[in-house]
Amino acid sequence: MEELRTRVPSPLCGKTLYGFGDSLVYGHYMEIGMLDYVAEKHGMIYRKFAVNGASVIPGIAGEVIENENGGPELLDVPDIGRQIEMAPAAIPDFVCFDGYTNDAYESVLTRHAGRISGCFDGNYDRNTFEGAFETICWCLKTKYRGSRLIYICPHKMPSRNAEVQDYMQRQARAICRKWKISCVDIYNRGKINTNIPEMRSTYSYNLPGETCGGNGTHLNEEGYRLWYAPMIEVCMRKLCK
């Protein structure tokens, strides 16, 4: 008679998770983002505070910038730091966030590039990308002490200038190192790159009702499940030890 195998429960089961960021966390029109599959699979208690169009730099979405279709757009949504400020004070087990895609324009980088500071006091120039990103890290560290914090670096995408993406990614990762925040580096170590036409067509979409054929920015449910979830799960499990 075969021995009955007991199923080992996931160490993430029942853990609370907050998600902050932009449409890659919120989930664009499908409302399925990079964290939804992980939370559902492991029975996590997930609260999503991300907003489509959110930026790192406060107010940057109010500037006229080129959108993904080449025309101007004006957005008025809570930036990522503001999302954190408005979120509950209750401390979750995990906080995951992304951010930079809605800042990643050449004109924004020209006007809003800054530097990484040497201090930890929360006094940063939020009109710069670096200062605003540091403010996010400072807010998370002070508001959610004891939470496991994870920054998720979005994938390479053709809808943004490659040099601007490289710059903002480098700076974001450097700031996370300074603040001892874990990174899931989809950008450099992930297996999804929507600059590759077949991947872009298969795993991204643009408009309501679509599931594929997109411009590479927003992944569909399968894209996040295949290319984001495994790396996020590995990071979360390590932080549980």
Protein backbone atom coordinates (compact mmCIF):
# COMPACT_ATOMS: atom_id res chain seq x y z
CA MET A 1 0.00 0.00 0.00
CA GLU A 2 1.46 3.30 -1.07
CA GLU A 3 2.10 5.80 1.65
CA LEU A 4 -0.11 8.83 1.54
CA ARG A 5 1.90 11.88 0.70
CA THR A 6 1.17 14.92 2.80
CA ARG A 7 1.13 18.12 0.88
CA VAL A 8 3.44 20.74 2.37
CA PRO A 9 1.57 24.05 2.56
CA SER A 10 3.08 27.06 0.88
CA PRO A 11 4.94 29.34 3.30
CA LEU A 12 3.15 32.21 1.56
CA CYS A 13 -0.34 30.91 2.33
CA GLY A 14 -2.33 33.41 4.37
CA LYS A 15 0.37 36.06 4.14
CA THR A 16 -0.77 39.62 3.48
CA LEU A 17 0.48 41.45 0.38
CA TYR A 18 0.19 45.09 -0.67
CA GLY A 19 0.82 46.06 -4.29
CA PHE A 20 1.77 49.60 -5.31
CA GLY A 21 2.69 50.96 -8.71
CA ASP A 22 1.31 51.50 -12.18
CA SER A 23 -0.72 49.53 -14.73
CA LEU A 24 1.73 46.62 -14.70
CA VAL A 25 0.69 45.96 -11.11
CA TYR A 26 -2.92 47.10 -11.50
CA GLY A 27 -3.41 45.07 -14.67
CA HIS A 28 -4.40 47.63 -17.34
CA TYR A 29 -7.81 46.75 -18.87
CA MET A 30 -7.79 43.09 -17.79
CA GLU A 31 -7.14 44.17 -14.18
CA ILE A 32 -4.74 41.23 -13.95
CA GLY A 33 -1.24 42.40 -13.14
CA MET A 34 2.10 40.93 -12.18
CA LEU A 35 1.06 39.92 -8.64
CA ASP A 36 -2.43 38.51 -9.10
CA TYR A 37 -1.43 34.99 -10.10
CA VAL A 38 1.11 34.69 -7.28
CA ALA A 39 -1.39 35.85 -4.68
CA GLU A 40 -4.13 33.51 -5.94
CA LYS A 41 -1.85 30.49 -6.28
CA HIS A 42 -0.54 30.76 -2.73
CA GLY A 43 -3.72 31.88 -1.00
CA MET A 44 -2.32 35.28 -0.06
CA ILE A 45 -4.46 38.15 1.16
CA TYR A 46 -3.77 40.69 -1.56
CA ARG A 47 -4.68 44.38 -1.55
CA LYS A 48 -3.92 46.25 -4.75
CA PHE A 49 -3.32 50.01 -4.49
CA ALA A 50 -1.65 50.47 -7.88
CA VAL A 51 -3.26 52.76 -10.43
CA ASN A 52 -3.08 52.79 -14.22
CA GLY A 53 -0.85 55.64 -15.37
CA ALA A 54 0.90 56.16 -12.03
CA SER A 55 4.41 57.60 -12.07
CA VAL A 56 7.37 57.79 -9.71
CA ILE A 57 7.75 61.58 -10.01
CA PRO A 58 4.69 63.34 -8.54
CA GLY A 59 2.76 65.36 -11.09
CA ILE A 60 4.77 64.15 -14.05
CA ALA A 61 1.63 62.60 -15.53
CA GLY A 62 0.16 66.10 -15.62
CA GLU A 63 2.77 67.19 -18.10
CA VAL A 64 2.11 66.77 -21.79
CA ILE A 65 4.19 63.78 -22.84
CA GLU A 66 4.12 61.36 -25.71
CA ASN A 67 1.92 58.40 -24.99
CA GLU A 68 2.36 54.94 -26.43
CA ASN A 69 0.55 55.90 -29.64
CA GLY A 70 2.68 58.98 -30.28
CA GLY A 71 0.17 61.63 -29.19
CA PRO A 72 -0.10 63.86 -26.10
CA GLU A 73 -1.94 62.72 -23.02
CA LEU A 74 -2.79 64.28 -19.68
CA LEU A 75 -3.29 62.09 -16.66
CA ASP A 76 -4.26 62.92 -13.10
CA VAL A 77 -3.67 59.86 -10.91
CA PRO A 78 -1.97 59.25 -7.55
CA ASP A 79 1.77 58.81 -7.97
CA ILE A 80 3.31 55.79 -6.26
CA GLY A 81 4.44 57.72 -3.20
CA ARG A 82 0.92 59.09 -2.78
CA GLN A 83 -0.53 55.57 -3.04
CA ILE A 84 1.64 54.54 -0.12
CA GLU A 85 0.63 57.60 1.91
CA MET A 86 -3.08 56.85 1.37
CA ALA A 87 -2.80 53.11 2.08
CA PRO A 88 -3.74 51.60 5.47
CA ALA A 89 -1.23 51.73 8.30
CA ALA A 90 -1.65 48.01 9.02
CA ILE A 91 1.67 46.33 8.31
CA PRO A 92 1.52 43.53 5.69
CA ASP A 93 3.86 40.58 5.39
CA PHE A 94 4.95 41.68 1.91
CA VAL A 95 4.97 44.91 -0.07
CA CYS A 96 5.68 44.69 -3.79
CA PHE A 97 5.96 47.72 -6.03
CA ASP A 98 7.09 48.70 -9.49
CA GLY A 99 7.50 52.09 -11.11
CA TYR A 100 9.30 54.07 -13.80
CA THR A 101 7.42 53.10 -16.97
CA ASN A 102 5.31 56.28 -16.90
CA ASP A 103 8.42 58.38 -16.23
CA ALA A 104 10.52 56.80 -18.98
CA TYR A 105 10.47 59.52 -21.63
CA GLU A 106 13.44 61.43 -22.97
CA SER A 107 11.83 64.80 -22.21
CA VAL A 108 11.19 63.73 -18.60
CA LEU A 109 14.74 62.52 -18.14
CA THR A 110 16.10 65.79 -19.54
CA ARG A 111 14.13 67.88 -17.06
CA HIS A 112 13.95 65.58 -14.05
CA ALA A 113 17.21 63.62 -13.73
CA GLY A 114 18.82 63.91 -10.30
CA ARG A 115 21.25 62.02 -8.11
CA ILE A 116 21.19 59.41 -5.38
CA SER A 117 21.65 61.06 -2.01
CA GLY A 118 23.89 59.90 0.81
CA CYS A 119 21.29 60.37 3.54
CA PHE A 120 18.36 58.43 4.95
CA ASP A 121 16.29 61.27 6.41
CA GLY A 122 13.50 61.41 3.83
CA ASN A 123 14.41 64.87 2.57
CA TYR A 124 14.75 64.32 -1.18
CA ASP A 125 13.96 66.34 -4.28
CA ARG A 126 10.76 64.69 -5.46
CA ASN A 127 10.90 66.65 -8.71
CA THR A 128 13.73 64.34 -9.79
CA PHE A 129 13.42 60.65 -10.59
CA GLU A 130 16.03 59.68 -8.03
CA GLY A 131 14.59 61.86 -5.29
CA ALA A 132 11.06 60.63 -5.90
CA PHE A 133 12.17 56.99 -5.97
CA GLU A 134 14.13 57.45 -2.73
CA THR A 135 11.05 59.01 -1.17
CA ILE A 136 9.07 55.89 -2.07
CA CYS A 137 11.70 53.70 -0.41
CA TRP A 138 11.84 55.92 2.66
CA CYS A 139 8.03 55.88 2.96
CA LEU A 140 7.91 52.09 2.75
CA LYS A 141 10.74 51.63 5.24
CA THR A 142 9.19 53.98 7.78
CA LYS A 143 5.50 53.13 7.35
CA TYR A 144 5.83 49.36 6.97
CA ARG A 145 8.66 48.43 9.30
CA GLY A 146 8.99 44.68 9.40
CA SER A 147 7.41 44.11 5.99
CA ARG A 148 9.37 42.26 3.35
CA LEU A 149 9.82 44.87 0.61
CA ILE A 150 10.30 43.89 -3.05
CA TYR A 151 10.83 46.13 -6.05
CA ILE A 152 9.92 44.46 -9.34
CA CYS A 153 11.90 45.77 -12.31
CA PRO A 154 9.60 45.72 -15.36
CA HIS A 155 10.59 43.96 -18.57
CA LYS A 156 12.33 45.55 -21.54
CA MET A 157 9.72 47.05 -23.85
CA PRO A 158 9.79 48.81 -27.25
CA SER A 159 7.25 51.44 -26.22
CA ARG A 160 9.91 53.35 -24.27
CA ASN A 161 13.32 54.69 -25.26
CA ALA A 162 15.93 52.00 -24.52
CA GLU A 163 18.54 54.40 -23.10
CA VAL A 164 16.00 56.02 -20.79
CA GLN A 165 14.84 52.59 -19.60
CA ASP A 166 18.45 51.53 -18.94
CA TYR A 167 19.18 54.70 -16.98
CA MET A 168 16.08 54.59 -14.79
CA GLN A 169 16.47 50.88 -14.17
CA ARG A 170 20.08 51.31 -13.06
CA GLN A 171 19.16 54.13 -10.73
CA ALA A 172 16.18 52.28 -9.27
CA ARG A 173 18.25 49.19 -8.53
CA ALA A 174 21.04 51.26 -7.01
CA ILE A 175 18.56 53.02 -4.73
CA CYS A 176 17.09 49.67 -3.69
CA ARG A 177 20.59 48.45 -2.80
CA LYS A 178 21.08 51.55 -0.67
CA TRP A 179 17.79 50.93 1.15
CA LYS A 180 18.27 47.14 1.39
CA ILE A 181 15.14 46.45 -0.63
CA SER A 182 15.03 43.19 -2.59
CA CYS A 183 14.72 43.38 -6.37
CA VAL A 184 13.12 40.97 -8.82
CA ASP A 185 15.05 41.94 -11.92
CA ILE A 186 12.79 41.01 -14.81
CA TYR A 187 14.57 43.67 -16.88
CA ASN A 188 17.99 42.00 -16.93
CA ARG A 189 17.39 38.47 -15.67
CA GLY A 190 13.86 37.71 -16.83
CA LYS A 191 13.05 35.66 -19.90
CA ILE A 192 10.50 38.11 -21.31
CA ASN A 193 11.60 40.86 -23.70
CA THR A 194 8.83 42.38 -25.79
CA ASN A 195 11.34 43.95 -28.16
CA ILE A 196 11.21 40.46 -29.68
CA PRO A 197 8.23 40.64 -32.09
CA GLU A 198 6.90 37.14 -31.36
CA MET A 199 6.91 37.74 -27.60
CA ARG A 200 5.34 41.17 -28.02
CA SER A 201 2.50 39.80 -30.14
CA THR A 202 1.85 36.71 -28.00
CA TYR A 203 2.08 38.13 -24.49
CA SER A 204 0.99 41.79 -24.68
CA TYR A 205 -2.22 43.64 -25.50
CA ASN A 206 -3.41 47.25 -25.76
CA LEU A 207 -7.19 47.67 -25.73
CA PRO A 208 -10.26 46.33 -23.91
CA GLY A 209 -11.30 42.94 -25.22
CA GLU A 210 -7.87 42.16 -26.63
CA THR A 211 -5.61 39.41 -25.31
CA CYS A 212 -2.61 39.71 -27.65
CA GLY A 213 -1.10 41.80 -30.44
CA GLY A 214 -0.06 44.65 -28.16
CA ASN A 215 2.83 47.11 -28.21
CA GLY A 216 4.78 45.26 -25.53
CA THR A 217 3.93 47.32 -22.45
CA HIS A 218 1.06 45.47 -20.78
CA LEU A 219 1.26 41.71 -20.56
CA ASN A 220 -1.74 39.43 -20.65
CA GLU A 221 -2.57 36.92 -17.93
CA GLU A 222 -0.35 34.24 -19.46
CA GLY A 223 2.55 36.64 -19.78
CA TYR A 224 2.57 37.53 -16.10
CA ARG A 225 2.04 33.90 -15.10
CA LEU A 226 4.89 32.58 -17.22
CA TRP A 227 7.48 35.32 -17.01
CA TYR A 228 6.89 37.28 -13.78
CA ALA A 229 5.33 34.87 -11.28
CA PRO A 230 8.21 32.33 -11.02
CA MET A 231 10.81 34.98 -10.19
CA ILE A 232 8.51 36.75 -7.74
CA GLU A 233 7.73 33.46 -6.00
CA VAL A 234 11.43 32.61 -5.62
CA CYS A 235 12.14 35.99 -4.04
CA MET A 236 9.18 35.76 -1.65
CA ARG A 237 10.12 32.25 -0.54
CA LYS A 238 13.70 33.34 0.17
CA LEU A 239 12.47 36.22 2.28
CA CYS A 240 10.30 33.84 4.32
CA LYS A 241 13.36 31.92 5.53
